[in-house]
Amino acid sequence: MNNSLCLKSVGNASSLFLVITFILCVAFDLVFLEHAMYRA
């Protein structure tokens, strides 16, 4: 087995990072309505 960085693990890590940051942004918008990015 080679020691190079596996592309699949990099993809999984970046996807997980994007999902977590998206969920945090949505939760922040729902909790702090006065600081929402867009007024609905």
PDB file of N, CA and C in Angstrom:
ATOM      1  N   MET A   1       0.847  -1.195   0.000  1.00  0.00           N
ATOM      2  CA  MET A   1       0.000   0.000   0.000  1.00  0.00           C
ATOM      3  C   MET A   1       0.881   1.243   0.000  1.00  0.00           C
ATOM      4  N   ASN A   2       0.549   2.190  -0.844  1.00  0.00           N
ATOM      5  CA  ASN A   2       1.373   3.397  -0.931  1.00  0.00           C
ATOM      6  C   ASN A   2       1.006   4.388   0.167  1.00  0.00           C
ATOM      7  N   ASN A   3       1.902   5.320   0.431  1.00  0.00           N
ATOM      8  CA  ASN A   3       1.714   6.293   1.504  1.00  0.00           C
ATOM      9  C   ASN A   3       1.162   7.619   1.012  1.00  0.00           C
ATOM     10  N   SER A   4       0.762   7.680  -0.248  1.00  0.00           N
ATOM     11  CA  SER A   4       0.234   8.942  -0.765  1.00  0.00           C
ATOM     12  C   SER A   4      -1.171   9.181  -0.225  1.00  0.00           C
ATOM     13  N   LEU A   5      -1.593  10.425  -0.282  1.00  0.00           N
ATOM     14  CA  LEU A   5      -2.902  10.820   0.243  1.00  0.00           C
ATOM     15  C   LEU A   5      -4.000  10.302  -0.678  1.00  0.00           C
ATOM     16  N   CYS A   6      -4.910   9.541  -0.123  1.00  0.00           N
ATOM     17  CA  CYS A   6      -5.982   8.936  -0.913  1.00  0.00           C
ATOM     18  C   CYS A   6      -7.008  10.014  -1.284  1.00  0.00           C
ATOM     19  N   LEU A   7      -7.384  10.052  -2.541  1.00  0.00           N
ATOM     20  CA  LEU A   7      -8.332  11.057  -3.020  1.00  0.00           C
ATOM     21  C   LEU A   7      -9.708  10.863  -2.397  1.00  0.00           C
ATOM     22  N   LYS A   8     -10.068   9.622  -2.137  1.00  0.00           N
ATOM     23  CA  LYS A   8     -11.370   9.348  -1.532  1.00  0.00           C
ATOM     24  C   LYS A   8     -11.447   9.920  -0.121  1.00  0.00           C
ATOM     25  N   SER A   9     -10.399   9.797   0.664  1.00  0.00           N
ATOM     26  CA  SER A   9     -10.423  10.333   2.030  1.00  0.00           C
ATOM     27  C   SER A   9     -10.428  11.864   2.024  1.00  0.00           C
ATOM     28  N   VAL A  10      -9.756  12.476   1.087  1.00  0.00           N
ATOM     29  CA  VAL A  10      -9.783  13.934   0.968  1.00  0.00           C
ATOM     30  C   VAL A  10     -11.187  14.401   0.584  1.00  0.00           C
ATOM     31  N   GLY A  11     -11.830  13.696  -0.328  1.00  0.00           N
ATOM     32  CA  GLY A  11     -13.191  14.039  -0.718  1.00  0.00           C
ATOM     33  C   GLY A  11     -14.174  13.877   0.425  1.00  0.00           C
ATOM     34  N   ASN A  12     -14.037  12.793   1.181  1.00  0.00           N
ATOM     35  CA  ASN A  12     -14.926  12.580   2.317  1.00  0.00           C
ATOM     36  C   ASN A  12     -14.717  13.641   3.393  1.00  0.00           C
ATOM     37  N   ALA A  13     -13.482  14.001   3.664  1.00  0.00           N
ATOM     38  CA  ALA A  13     -13.203  15.000   4.690  1.00  0.00           C
ATOM     39  C   ALA A  13     -13.738  16.372   4.282  1.00  0.00           C
ATOM     40  N   SER A  14     -13.547  16.756   3.028  1.00  0.00           N
ATOM     41  CA  SER A  14     -14.031  18.068   2.595  1.00  0.00           C
ATOM     42  C   SER A  14     -15.564  18.088   2.527  1.00  0.00           C
ATOM     43  N   SER A  15     -16.181  16.990   2.142  1.00  0.00           N
ATOM     44  CA  SER A  15     -17.641  16.927   2.129  1.00  0.00           C
ATOM     45  C   SER A  15     -18.195  17.037   3.540  1.00  0.00           C
ATOM     46  N   LEU A  16     -17.578  16.351   4.484  1.00  0.00           N
ATOM     47  CA  LEU A  16     -18.019  16.426   5.871  1.00  0.00           C
ATOM     48  C   LEU A  16     -17.858  17.843   6.417  1.00  0.00           C
ATOM     49  N   PHE A  17     -16.759  18.502   6.082  1.00  0.00           N
ATOM     50  CA  PHE A  17     -16.531  19.879   6.509  1.00  0.00           C
ATOM     51  C   PHE A  17     -17.605  20.812   5.948  1.00  0.00           C
ATOM     52  N   LEU A  18     -17.938  20.654   4.683  1.00  0.00           N
ATOM     53  CA  LEU A  18     -18.951  21.509   4.063  1.00  0.00           C
ATOM     54  C   LEU A  18     -20.327  21.266   4.658  1.00  0.00           C
ATOM     55  N   VAL A  19     -20.664  20.020   4.945  1.00  0.00           N
ATOM     56  CA  VAL A  19     -21.960  19.706   5.548  1.00  0.00           C
ATOM     57  C   VAL A  19     -22.056  20.315   6.942  1.00  0.00           C
ATOM     58  N   ILE A  20     -20.994  20.198   7.727  1.00  0.00           N
ATOM     59  CA  ILE A  20     -21.017  20.739   9.094  1.00  0.00           C
ATOM     60  C   ILE A  20     -21.137  22.253   9.073  1.00  0.00           C
ATOM     61  N   THR A  21     -20.391  22.931   8.203  1.00  0.00           N
ATOM     62  CA  THR A  21     -20.472  24.388   8.151  1.00  0.00           C
ATOM     63  C   THR A  21     -21.837  24.848   7.635  1.00  0.00           C
ATOM     64  N   PHE A  22     -22.435  24.106   6.702  1.00  0.00           N
ATOM     65  CA  PHE A  22     -23.773  24.452   6.221  1.00  0.00           C
ATOM     66  C   PHE A  22     -24.794  24.334   7.341  1.00  0.00           C
ATOM     67  N   ILE A  23     -24.721  23.249   8.103  1.00  0.00           N
ATOM     68  CA  ILE A  23     -25.658  23.052   9.211  1.00  0.00           C
ATOM     69  C   ILE A  23     -25.464  24.130  10.272  1.00  0.00           C
ATOM     70  N   LEU A  24     -24.231  24.506  10.552  1.00  0.00           N
ATOM     71  CA  LEU A  24     -23.981  25.573  11.530  1.00  0.00           C
ATOM     72  C   LEU A  24     -24.537  26.910  11.051  1.00  0.00           C
ATOM     73  N   CYS A  25     -24.398  27.204   9.769  1.00  0.00           N
ATOM     74  CA  CYS A  25     -24.927  28.465   9.232  1.00  0.00           C
ATOM     75  C   CYS A  25     -26.452  28.497   9.308  1.00  0.00           C
ATOM     76  N   VAL A  26     -27.093  27.399   8.954  1.00  0.00           N
ATOM     77  CA  VAL A  26     -28.554  27.346   9.018  1.00  0.00           C
ATOM     78  C   VAL A  26     -29.023  27.454  10.461  1.00  0.00           C
ATOM     79  N   ALA A  27     -28.357  26.755  11.376  1.00  0.00           N
ATOM     80  CA  ALA A  27     -28.737  26.819  12.786  1.00  0.00           C
ATOM     81  C   ALA A  27     -28.530  28.220  13.343  1.00  0.00           C
ATOM     82  N   PHE A  28     -27.446  28.884  12.961  1.00  0.00           N
ATOM     83  CA  PHE A  28     -27.199  30.253  13.409  1.00  0.00           C
ATOM     84  C   PHE A  28     -28.298  31.185  12.924  1.00  0.00           C
ATOM     85  N   ASP A  29     -28.721  31.018  11.661  1.00  0.00           N
ATOM     86  CA  ASP A  29     -29.804  31.844  11.118  1.00  0.00           C
ATOM     87  C   ASP A  29     -31.111  31.607  11.855  1.00  0.00           C
ATOM     88  N   LEU A  30     -31.382  30.367  12.240  1.00  0.00           N
ATOM     89  CA  LEU A  30     -32.636  30.066  12.925  1.00  0.00           C
ATOM     90  C   LEU A  30     -32.626  30.520  14.373  1.00  0.00           C
ATOM     91  N   VAL A  31     -31.480  30.447  15.029  1.00  0.00           N
ATOM     92  CA  VAL A  31     -31.407  30.817  16.443  1.00  0.00           C
ATOM     93  C   VAL A  31     -31.339  32.330  16.611  1.00  0.00           C
ATOM     94  N   PHE A  32     -30.506  32.988  15.812  1.00  0.00           N
ATOM     95  CA  PHE A  32     -30.326  34.433  15.926  1.00  0.00           C
ATOM     96  C   PHE A  32     -31.015  35.128  14.753  1.00  0.00           C
ATOM     97  N   LEU A  33     -32.330  35.280  14.873  1.00  0.00           N
ATOM     98  CA  LEU A  33     -33.105  35.845  13.763  1.00  0.00           C
ATOM     99  C   LEU A  33     -32.750  37.300  13.486  1.00  0.00           C
ATOM    100  N   GLU A  34     -32.356  38.036  14.519  1.00  0.00           N
ATOM    101  CA  GLU A  34     -32.034  39.452  14.297  1.00  0.00           C
ATOM    102  C   GLU A  34     -30.716  39.636  13.538  1.00  0.00           C
ATOM    103  N   HIS A  35     -29.892  38.594  13.481  1.00  0.00           N
ATOM    104  CA  HIS A  35     -28.631  38.666  12.752  1.00  0.00           C
ATOM    105  C   HIS A  35     -28.674  37.850  11.465  1.00  0.00           C
ATOM    106  N   ALA A  36     -29.862  37.560  10.957  1.00  0.00           N
ATOM    107  CA  ALA A  36     -30.009  36.746   9.768  1.00  0.00           C
ATOM    108  C   ALA A  36     -29.402  37.454   8.552  1.00  0.00           C
ATOM    109  N   MET A  37     -28.889  36.667   7.620  1.00  0.00           N
ATOM    110  CA  MET A  37     -28.271  37.243   6.430  1.00  0.00           C
ATOM    111  C   MET A  37     -29.320  37.868   5.508  1.00  0.00           C
ATOM    112  N   TYR A  38     -30.467  37.203   5.389  1.00  0.00           N
ATOM    113  CA  TYR A  38     -31.526  37.679   4.502  1.00  0.00           C
ATOM    114  C   TYR A  38     -32.831  37.762   5.284  1.00  0.00           C
ATOM    115  N   ARG A  39     -33.556  38.834   5.089  1.00  0.00           N
ATOM    116  CA  ARG A  39     -34.865  38.965   5.719  1.00  0.00           C
ATOM    117  C   ARG A  39     -35.899  38.259   4.867  1.00  0.00           C
ATOM    118  N   ALA A  40     -36.679  37.410   5.487  1.00  0.00           N
ATOM    119  CA  ALA A  40     -37.715  36.688   4.747  1.00  0.00           C
ATOM    120  C   ALA A  40     -39.046  37.398   4.868  1.00  0.00           C
TER     121      ALA A  40
END
